[in-house]
Amino acid sequence: MRSATLPFQDYEPYIYYALHKLHIPPPHEDHYQDAYFIYQRCEKNYDPSLSKFSTYFTQQFIHFLQSQQRTARLRSPQVHIIESAVFPKSFLRDPSTDWILYYDVFHNSELSPLESTIVKLSLEEFTINEISRILKVSPSTVNRKKKGIKKKLGKVLNTPS
């Protein structure tokens, strides 16, 4: 195992540089801990003939943070589609509660199988007519079920229906 020229604490400015560069707001404790694990991995894989350790470590940490941000971005649209397809504007909530909202919709709302299917198809951006063709029901049934979904979700989310 190759050792870095400086102890981990001396790379703190590089950690905060990466966090600032990617506009990651405080608190940074979890990211600091992630940086330590990346530092240890970098120590094992570092090749001094390719770059300075500080450059290698900083680039690895930035890559890690970008991967986390990309993963979070890919998960986020699903919840926004639920909100726009099923919820009226009064249902819109704080974005930090999106996954809680998603969990509430599918696990605590007591939706019937047909209502769950309608929500899932709405998530996939199907129109009311397309949903009615897929489920072999009339468009008015889909509309009526959506109203029922809104009422049930209103009870779960403590908002007016």
N, C-alpha and C. Protein backbone atom coordinates (compact mmCIF):
# COMPACT_ATOMS: atom_id res chain seq x y z
N MET A 1 0.84 -1.18 0.00
CA MET A 1 0.00 0.00 0.00
C MET A 1 0.89 1.24 0.00
N ARG A 2 0.65 2.12 -0.96
CA ARG A 2 1.40 3.38 -1.02
C ARG A 2 0.75 4.38 -0.09
N SER A 3 1.53 5.18 0.57
CA SER A 3 0.93 6.19 1.44
C SER A 3 1.02 7.56 0.76
N ALA A 4 0.03 8.37 1.02
CA ALA A 4 0.01 9.74 0.49
C ALA A 4 1.06 10.55 1.22
N THR A 5 1.47 11.63 0.60
CA THR A 5 2.50 12.46 1.23
C THR A 5 1.98 13.19 2.45
N LEU A 6 0.68 13.43 2.54
CA LEU A 6 0.10 14.17 3.66
C LEU A 6 -1.02 13.36 4.31
N PRO A 7 -1.27 13.59 5.60
CA PRO A 7 -2.40 12.91 6.24
C PRO A 7 -3.73 13.47 5.71
N PHE A 8 -4.79 12.72 5.92
CA PHE A 8 -6.11 13.06 5.40
C PHE A 8 -6.53 14.49 5.76
N GLN A 9 -6.31 14.91 7.00
CA GLN A 9 -6.75 16.24 7.45
C GLN A 9 -6.17 17.35 6.59
N ASP A 10 -5.01 17.15 6.03
CA ASP A 10 -4.38 18.18 5.20
C ASP A 10 -5.07 18.35 3.84
N TYR A 11 -5.95 17.42 3.48
CA TYR A 11 -6.66 17.51 2.21
C TYR A 11 -8.05 18.14 2.37
N GLU A 12 -8.33 18.63 3.56
CA GLU A 12 -9.62 19.26 3.83
C GLU A 12 -9.95 20.41 2.87
N PRO A 13 -9.00 21.29 2.52
CA PRO A 13 -9.32 22.36 1.56
C PRO A 13 -9.78 21.81 0.20
N TYR A 14 -9.22 20.67 -0.21
CA TYR A 14 -9.62 20.07 -1.48
C TYR A 14 -11.04 19.52 -1.40
N ILE A 15 -11.39 19.00 -0.24
CA ILE A 15 -12.75 18.48 -0.04
C ILE A 15 -13.75 19.61 -0.15
N TYR A 16 -13.48 20.71 0.55
CA TYR A 16 -14.41 21.84 0.52
C TYR A 16 -14.41 22.53 -0.84
N TYR A 17 -13.30 22.48 -1.54
CA TYR A 17 -13.26 23.00 -2.91
C TYR A 17 -14.23 22.21 -3.79
N ALA A 18 -14.20 20.88 -3.69
CA ALA A 18 -15.08 20.03 -4.50
C ALA A 18 -16.55 20.27 -4.14
N LEU A 19 -16.84 20.37 -2.85
CA LEU A 19 -18.22 20.60 -2.41
C LEU A 19 -18.73 21.96 -2.92
N HIS A 20 -17.87 22.97 -2.84
CA HIS A 20 -18.24 24.30 -3.31
C HIS A 20 -18.41 24.31 -4.83
N LYS A 21 -17.51 23.64 -5.53
CA LYS A 21 -17.56 23.60 -6.99
C LYS A 21 -18.88 23.00 -7.48
N LEU A 22 -19.39 22.01 -6.77
CA LEU A 22 -20.63 21.34 -7.18
C LEU A 22 -21.87 21.92 -6.49
N HIS A 23 -21.69 23.06 -5.79
CA HIS A 23 -22.80 23.76 -5.13
C HIS A 23 -23.56 22.87 -4.14
N ILE A 24 -22.83 22.11 -3.36
CA ILE A 24 -23.44 21.24 -2.35
C ILE A 24 -23.53 22.02 -1.05
N PRO A 25 -24.75 22.25 -0.56
CA PRO A 25 -24.91 23.05 0.66
C PRO A 25 -24.53 22.27 1.92
N PRO A 26 -24.18 22.99 3.00
CA PRO A 26 -23.93 22.31 4.26
C PRO A 26 -25.20 21.66 4.78
N PRO A 27 -25.14 20.76 5.67
CA PRO A 27 -23.98 20.25 6.40
C PRO A 27 -23.17 19.28 5.53
N HIS A 28 -21.87 19.25 5.78
CA HIS A 28 -20.95 18.46 4.97
C HIS A 28 -20.39 17.23 5.69
N GLU A 29 -20.90 16.92 6.86
CA GLU A 29 -20.32 15.83 7.64
C GLU A 29 -20.33 14.50 6.89
N ASP A 30 -21.46 14.17 6.25
CA ASP A 30 -21.54 12.91 5.51
C ASP A 30 -20.57 12.90 4.33
N HIS A 31 -20.45 14.03 3.65
CA HIS A 31 -19.54 14.11 2.51
C HIS A 31 -18.09 14.02 2.98
N TYR A 32 -17.83 14.59 4.12
CA TYR A 32 -16.47 14.53 4.68
C TYR A 32 -16.11 13.07 4.97
N GLN A 33 -17.07 12.32 5.50
CA GLN A 33 -16.83 10.91 5.78
C GLN A 33 -16.63 10.13 4.46
N ASP A 34 -17.45 10.43 3.46
CA ASP A 34 -17.27 9.81 2.15
C ASP A 34 -15.87 10.12 1.60
N ALA A 35 -15.44 11.36 1.80
CA ALA A 35 -14.11 11.76 1.32
C ALA A 35 -13.02 10.92 1.98
N TYR A 36 -13.21 10.58 3.24
CA TYR A 36 -12.20 9.77 3.92
C TYR A 36 -12.11 8.38 3.28
N PHE A 37 -13.25 7.78 2.97
CA PHE A 37 -13.22 6.47 2.33
C PHE A 37 -12.60 6.55 0.94
N ILE A 38 -12.87 7.62 0.22
CA ILE A 38 -12.27 7.81 -1.10
C ILE A 38 -10.77 8.04 -0.97
N TYR A 39 -10.37 8.77 0.06
CA TYR A 39 -8.95 9.00 0.34
C TYR A 39 -8.23 7.67 0.54
N GLN A 40 -8.84 6.79 1.33
CA GLN A 40 -8.23 5.47 1.58
C GLN A 40 -8.12 4.66 0.28
N ARG A 41 -9.15 4.69 -0.53
CA ARG A 41 -9.12 3.98 -1.81
C ARG A 41 -8.06 4.58 -2.73
N CYS A 42 -7.95 5.91 -2.71
CA CYS A 42 -6.96 6.58 -3.55
C CYS A 42 -5.54 6.22 -3.12
N GLU A 43 -5.32 6.10 -1.83
CA GLU A 43 -4.00 5.70 -1.33
C GLU A 43 -3.58 4.35 -1.90
N LYS A 44 -4.52 3.44 -1.98
CA LYS A 44 -4.22 2.09 -2.49
C LYS A 44 -3.96 2.10 -3.99
N ASN A 45 -4.70 2.93 -4.73
CA ASN A 45 -4.65 2.89 -6.20
C ASN A 45 -3.76 3.96 -6.82
N TYR A 46 -3.16 4.81 -6.03
CA TYR A 46 -2.41 5.95 -6.54
C TYR A 46 -1.13 5.52 -7.26
N ASP A 47 -0.93 6.12 -8.44
CA ASP A 47 0.29 5.91 -9.22
C ASP A 47 0.99 7.26 -9.35
N PRO A 48 2.11 7.47 -8.63
CA PRO A 48 2.77 8.78 -8.63
C PRO A 48 3.28 9.23 -10.00
N SER A 49 3.43 8.31 -10.93
CA SER A 49 3.93 8.70 -12.26
C SER A 49 2.86 9.40 -13.09
N LEU A 50 1.58 9.33 -12.66
CA LEU A 50 0.51 9.92 -13.46
C LEU A 50 0.10 11.32 -13.03
N SER A 51 0.11 11.59 -11.72
CA SER A 51 -0.30 12.91 -11.23
C SER A 51 0.09 13.07 -9.78
N LYS A 52 -0.14 14.29 -9.27
CA LYS A 52 0.06 14.51 -7.84
C LYS A 52 -1.10 13.84 -7.10
N PHE A 53 -0.86 13.42 -5.87
CA PHE A 53 -1.91 12.76 -5.11
C PHE A 53 -3.10 13.68 -4.87
N SER A 54 -2.83 14.94 -4.59
CA SER A 54 -3.93 15.88 -4.32
C SER A 54 -4.85 16.00 -5.53
N THR A 55 -4.28 16.03 -6.72
CA THR A 55 -5.08 16.11 -7.94
C THR A 55 -5.90 14.84 -8.13
N TYR A 56 -5.24 13.70 -7.95
CA TYR A 56 -5.91 12.42 -8.10
C TYR A 56 -7.07 12.29 -7.10
N PHE A 57 -6.82 12.60 -5.85
CA PHE A 57 -7.84 12.51 -4.81
C PHE A 57 -9.01 13.45 -5.10
N THR A 58 -8.71 14.70 -5.45
CA THR A 58 -9.76 15.68 -5.72
C THR A 58 -10.63 15.24 -6.89
N GLN A 59 -10.02 14.75 -7.95
CA GLN A 59 -10.79 14.30 -9.11
C GLN A 59 -11.65 13.09 -8.78
N GLN A 60 -11.13 12.17 -7.99
CA GLN A 60 -11.91 11.00 -7.58
C GLN A 60 -13.10 11.42 -6.71
N PHE A 61 -12.90 12.37 -5.83
CA PHE A 61 -13.96 12.84 -4.95
C PHE A 61 -15.03 13.58 -5.75
N ILE A 62 -14.61 14.43 -6.68
CA ILE A 62 -15.57 15.14 -7.53
C ILE A 62 -16.39 14.14 -8.36
N HIS A 63 -15.73 13.14 -8.90
CA HIS A 63 -16.44 12.12 -9.68
C HIS A 63 -17.48 11.40 -8.81
N PHE A 64 -17.12 11.08 -7.58
CA PHE A 64 -18.04 10.44 -6.65
C PHE A 64 -19.26 11.33 -6.39
N LEU A 65 -19.03 12.61 -6.11
CA LEU A 65 -20.14 13.53 -5.83
C LEU A 65 -21.04 13.71 -7.06
N GLN A 66 -20.44 13.79 -8.24
CA GLN A 66 -21.23 13.92 -9.46
C GLN A 66 -22.09 12.68 -9.69
N SER A 67 -21.56 11.52 -9.38
CA SER A 67 -22.34 10.29 -9.51
C SER A 67 -23.53 10.29 -8.56
N GLN A 68 -23.31 10.77 -7.33
CA GLN A 68 -24.41 10.86 -6.36
C GLN A 68 -25.48 11.83 -6.86
N GLN A 69 -25.06 12.97 -7.37
CA GLN A 69 -26.02 13.96 -7.88
C GLN A 69 -26.80 13.42 -9.07
N ARG A 70 -26.12 12.72 -9.96
CA ARG A 70 -26.78 12.15 -11.14
C ARG A 70 -27.82 11.11 -10.71
N THR A 71 -27.49 10.27 -9.76
CA THR A 71 -28.43 9.27 -9.26
C THR A 71 -29.65 9.94 -8.65
N ALA A 72 -29.43 10.97 -7.87
CA ALA A 72 -30.55 11.69 -7.24
C ALA A 72 -31.44 12.35 -8.31
N ARG A 73 -30.83 12.90 -9.35
CA ARG A 73 -31.60 13.52 -10.43
C ARG A 73 -32.44 12.51 -11.19
N LEU A 74 -31.90 11.32 -11.41
CA LEU A 74 -32.64 10.29 -12.15
C LEU A 74 -33.83 9.77 -11.37
N ARG A 75 -33.75 9.75 -10.05
CA ARG A 75 -34.86 9.27 -9.23
C ARG A 75 -35.95 10.33 -9.07
N SER A 76 -35.57 11.57 -9.05
CA SER A 76 -36.49 12.66 -8.75
C SER A 76 -37.65 12.84 -9.73
N PRO A 77 -37.51 12.69 -11.05
CA PRO A 77 -38.63 12.95 -11.96
C PRO A 77 -39.86 12.08 -11.69
N GLN A 78 -39.67 10.87 -11.21
CA GLN A 78 -40.81 9.99 -10.97
C GLN A 78 -41.81 10.64 -10.02
N VAL A 79 -41.32 11.24 -8.98
CA VAL A 79 -42.20 11.86 -7.99
C VAL A 79 -42.89 13.08 -8.59
N HIS A 80 -42.19 13.87 -9.38
CA HIS A 80 -42.80 15.05 -9.98
C HIS A 80 -43.87 14.66 -10.98
N ILE A 81 -43.70 13.53 -11.65
CA ILE A 81 -44.73 13.06 -12.57
C ILE A 81 -45.98 12.67 -11.79
N ILE A 82 -45.81 12.04 -10.63
CA ILE A 82 -46.96 11.70 -9.79
C ILE A 82 -47.70 12.98 -9.45
N GLU A 83 -46.97 13.99 -9.00
CA GLU A 83 -47.60 15.23 -8.58
C GLU A 83 -48.37 15.87 -9.72
N SER A 84 -47.78 15.93 -10.91
CA SER A 84 -48.44 16.62 -12.01
C SER A 84 -49.59 15.80 -12.59
N ALA A 85 -49.48 14.48 -12.55
CA ALA A 85 -50.50 13.65 -13.17
C ALA A 85 -51.70 13.40 -12.26
N VAL A 86 -51.48 13.35 -10.96
CA VAL A 86 -52.53 12.94 -10.05
C VAL A 86 -52.93 14.05 -9.09
N PHE A 87 -51.99 14.83 -8.61
CA PHE A 87 -52.28 15.80 -7.56
C PHE A 87 -52.65 17.16 -8.11
N PRO A 88 -53.63 17.84 -7.51
CA PRO A 88 -53.85 19.24 -7.85
C PRO A 88 -52.70 20.08 -7.29
N LYS A 89 -52.62 21.32 -7.73
CA LYS A 89 -51.51 22.19 -7.29
C LYS A 89 -51.44 22.32 -5.77
N SER A 90 -52.57 22.21 -5.08
CA SER A 90 -52.55 22.35 -3.62
C SER A 90 -51.81 21.22 -2.93
N PHE A 91 -51.54 20.13 -3.67
CA PHE A 91 -50.83 19.00 -3.07
C PHE A 91 -49.32 19.18 -3.09
N LEU A 92 -48.82 20.11 -3.90
CA LEU A 92 -47.37 20.24 -4.05
C LEU A 92 -46.71 20.47 -2.70
N ARG A 93 -45.61 19.76 -2.48
CA ARG A 93 -44.95 19.77 -1.19
C ARG A 93 -43.48 20.12 -1.36
N ASP A 94 -42.81 20.18 -0.24
CA ASP A 94 -41.39 20.45 -0.21
C ASP A 94 -40.64 19.34 -0.96
N PRO A 95 -39.73 19.70 -1.91
CA PRO A 95 -39.01 18.67 -2.67
C PRO A 95 -38.21 17.69 -1.80
N SER A 96 -37.83 18.10 -0.61
CA SER A 96 -37.06 17.18 0.24
C SER A 96 -37.92 16.03 0.75
N THR A 97 -39.24 16.13 0.62
CA THR A 97 -40.13 15.06 1.07
C THR A 97 -40.63 14.21 -0.09
N ASP A 98 -40.07 14.36 -1.29
CA ASP A 98 -40.56 13.64 -2.46
C ASP A 98 -40.62 12.13 -2.26
N TRP A 99 -39.56 11.53 -1.74
CA TRP A 99 -39.55 10.07 -1.59
C TRP A 99 -40.52 9.64 -0.51
N ILE A 100 -40.71 10.47 0.50
CA ILE A 100 -41.72 10.17 1.52
C ILE A 100 -43.09 10.21 0.87
N LEU A 101 -43.32 11.20 0.03
CA LEU A 101 -44.59 11.32 -0.69
C LEU A 101 -44.82 10.09 -1.56
N TYR A 102 -43.82 9.69 -2.30
CA TYR A 102 -43.92 8.51 -3.17
C TYR A 102 -44.26 7.27 -2.34
N TYR A 103 -43.61 7.10 -1.21
CA TYR A 103 -43.89 5.96 -0.33
C TYR A 103 -45.33 6.02 0.17
N ASP A 104 -45.76 7.21 0.59
CA ASP A 104 -47.13 7.37 1.08
C ASP A 104 -48.16 6.99 0.02
N VAL A 105 -47.91 7.39 -1.21
CA VAL A 105 -48.86 7.12 -2.29
C VAL A 105 -49.05 5.62 -2.47
N PHE A 106 -47.97 4.86 -2.48
CA PHE A 106 -48.08 3.45 -2.81
C PHE A 106 -48.20 2.51 -1.61
N HIS A 107 -47.92 2.99 -0.41
CA HIS A 107 -47.94 2.07 0.73
C HIS A 107 -48.94 2.44 1.81
N ASN A 108 -49.35 3.67 1.90
CA ASN A 108 -50.22 4.08 3.00
C ASN A 108 -51.59 4.57 2.55
N SER A 109 -51.84 4.65 1.25
CA SER A 109 -53.08 5.27 0.78
C SER A 109 -54.22 4.29 0.56
N GLU A 110 -53.97 3.01 0.67
CA GLU A 110 -55.00 1.98 0.48
C GLU A 110 -55.67 2.10 -0.89
N LEU A 111 -54.87 2.29 -1.92
CA LEU A 111 -55.40 2.35 -3.28
C LEU A 111 -55.80 0.95 -3.72
N SER A 112 -56.88 0.88 -4.49
CA SER A 112 -57.29 -0.40 -5.06
C SER A 112 -56.29 -0.77 -6.16
N PRO A 113 -56.28 -2.03 -6.59
CA PRO A 113 -55.36 -2.41 -7.68
C PRO A 113 -55.57 -1.56 -8.95
N LEU A 114 -56.83 -1.27 -9.27
CA LEU A 114 -57.10 -0.44 -10.45
C LEU A 114 -56.55 0.97 -10.26
N GLU A 115 -56.76 1.54 -9.07
CA GLU A 115 -56.25 2.89 -8.80
C GLU A 115 -54.72 2.92 -8.83
N SER A 116 -54.08 1.91 -8.28
CA SER A 116 -52.61 1.84 -8.32
C SER A 116 -52.12 1.78 -9.76
N THR A 117 -52.82 0.99 -10.58
CA THR A 117 -52.43 0.88 -11.99
C THR A 117 -52.59 2.22 -12.69
N ILE A 118 -53.67 2.93 -12.39
CA ILE A 118 -53.88 4.25 -13.00
C ILE A 118 -52.77 5.21 -12.60
N VAL A 119 -52.37 5.20 -11.33
CA VAL A 119 -51.28 6.06 -10.88
C VAL A 119 -49.99 5.69 -11.61
N LYS A 120 -49.70 4.39 -11.70
CA LYS A 120 -48.46 3.96 -12.37
C LYS A 120 -48.46 4.34 -13.85
N LEU A 121 -49.60 4.18 -14.51
CA LEU A 121 -49.67 4.58 -15.92
C LEU A 121 -49.56 6.10 -16.07
N SER A 122 -50.12 6.83 -15.11
CA SER A 122 -49.97 8.28 -15.13
C SER A 122 -48.51 8.67 -14.96
N LEU A 123 -47.80 7.92 -14.13
CA LEU A 123 -46.37 8.16 -13.95
C LEU A 123 -45.61 7.98 -15.26
N GLU A 124 -46.08 7.06 -16.07
CA GLU A 124 -45.44 6.82 -17.36
C GLU A 124 -45.96 7.76 -18.44
N GLU A 125 -46.72 8.78 -18.02
CA GLU A 125 -47.20 9.86 -18.88
C GLU A 125 -48.22 9.42 -19.93
N PHE A 126 -48.99 8.38 -19.63
CA PHE A 126 -50.09 8.01 -20.51
C PHE A 126 -51.24 9.00 -20.31
N THR A 127 -51.97 9.28 -21.38
CA THR A 127 -53.14 10.15 -21.28
C THR A 127 -54.32 9.35 -20.74
N ILE A 128 -55.39 10.04 -20.39
CA ILE A 128 -56.58 9.36 -19.87
C ILE A 128 -57.13 8.38 -20.91
N ASN A 129 -57.16 8.80 -22.17
CA ASN A 129 -57.66 7.90 -23.22
C ASN A 129 -56.77 6.67 -23.39
N GLU A 130 -55.46 6.86 -23.33
CA GLU A 130 -54.55 5.72 -23.45
C GLU A 130 -54.71 4.76 -22.26
N ILE A 131 -54.85 5.33 -21.07
CA ILE A 131 -55.06 4.50 -19.89
C ILE A 131 -56.35 3.70 -20.02
N SER A 132 -57.42 4.35 -20.50
CA SER A 132 -58.70 3.65 -20.64
C SER A 132 -58.59 2.52 -21.66
N ARG A 133 -57.84 2.72 -22.74
CA ARG A 133 -57.65 1.65 -23.73
C ARG A 133 -56.85 0.50 -23.14
N ILE A 134 -55.79 0.81 -22.40
CA ILE A 134 -54.94 -0.23 -21.80
C ILE A 134 -55.73 -1.06 -20.80
N LEU A 135 -56.51 -0.38 -19.96
CA LEU A 135 -57.25 -1.07 -18.89
C LEU A 135 -58.62 -1.58 -19.35
N LYS A 136 -58.99 -1.23 -20.58
CA LYS A 136 -60.28 -1.65 -21.14
C LYS A 136 -61.45 -1.16 -20.28
N VAL A 137 -61.38 0.11 -19.92
CA VAL A 137 -62.47 0.80 -19.21
C VAL A 137 -62.71 2.12 -19.93
N SER A 138 -63.81 2.77 -19.61
CA SER A 138 -64.11 4.04 -20.28
C SER A 138 -63.27 5.17 -19.70
N PRO A 139 -63.06 6.24 -20.49
CA PRO A 139 -62.33 7.40 -19.98
C PRO A 139 -62.99 8.01 -18.75
N SER A 140 -64.32 7.95 -18.70
CA SER A 140 -65.01 8.50 -17.52
C SER A 140 -64.69 7.68 -16.26
N THR A 141 -64.47 6.37 -16.42
CA THR A 141 -64.07 5.53 -15.28
C THR A 141 -62.70 5.96 -14.78
N VAL A 142 -61.79 6.22 -15.71
CA VAL A 142 -60.44 6.67 -15.33
C VAL A 142 -60.53 8.00 -14.59
N ASN A 143 -61.34 8.93 -15.11
CA ASN A 143 -61.51 10.22 -14.44
C ASN A 143 -62.10 10.05 -13.05
N ARG A 144 -63.12 9.20 -12.93
CA ARG A 144 -63.75 8.96 -11.63
C ARG A 144 -62.75 8.35 -10.65
N LYS A 145 -61.95 7.41 -11.14
CA LYS A 145 -60.94 6.77 -10.28
C LYS A 145 -59.88 7.79 -9.84
N LYS A 146 -59.53 8.70 -10.74
CA LYS A 146 -58.55 9.74 -10.38
C LYS A 146 -59.10 10.62 -9.26
N LYS A 147 -60.39 10.92 -9.32
CA LYS A 147 -61.00 11.70 -8.23
C LYS A 147 -60.93 10.93 -6.92
N GLY A 148 -61.20 9.62 -6.99
CA GLY A 148 -61.09 8.78 -5.80
C GLY A 148 -59.67 8.72 -5.27
N ILE A 149 -58.70 8.68 -6.18
CA ILE A 149 -57.29 8.67 -5.79
C ILE A 149 -56.97 9.96 -5.05
N LYS A 150 -57.44 11.09 -5.58
CA LYS A 150 -57.17 12.38 -4.94
C LYS A 150 -57.76 12.43 -3.54
N LYS A 151 -58.96 11.88 -3.37
CA LYS A 151 -59.57 11.86 -2.03
C LYS A 151 -58.76 11.00 -1.07
N LYS A 152 -58.36 9.80 -1.53
CA LYS A 152 -57.58 8.91 -0.67
C LYS A 152 -56.23 9.52 -0.33
N LEU A 153 -55.60 10.14 -1.31
CA LEU A 153 -54.30 10.76 -1.05
C LEU A 153 -54.44 11.96 -0.16
N GLY A 154 -55.56 12.67 -0.27
CA GLY A 154 -55.81 13.80 0.61
C GLY A 154 -55.85 13.37 2.07
N LYS A 155 -56.42 12.19 2.33
CA LYS A 155 -56.47 11.67 3.70
C LYS A 155 -55.08 11.29 4.18
N VAL A 156 -54.30 10.64 3.32
CA VAL A 156 -52.95 10.21 3.69
C VAL A 156 -52.03 11.39 3.89
N LEU A 157 -52.14 12.39 3.00
CA LEU A 157 -51.22 13.53 3.02
C LEU A 157 -51.74 14.69 3.86
N ASN A 158 -52.91 14.52 4.48
CA ASN A 158 -53.52 15.56 5.31
C ASN A 158 -53.69 16.87 4.57
N THR A 159 -54.19 16.79 3.35
CA THR A 159 -54.47 17.98 2.57
C THR A 159 -55.90 17.92 2.07
N PRO A 160 -56.51 19.04 1.73
CA PRO A 160 -57.88 19.01 1.23
C PRO A 160 -57.96 18.32 -0.12
N SER A 161 -59.03 17.60 -0.38
CA SER A 161 -59.17 16.91 -1.66
C SER A 161 -59.87 17.77 -2.69
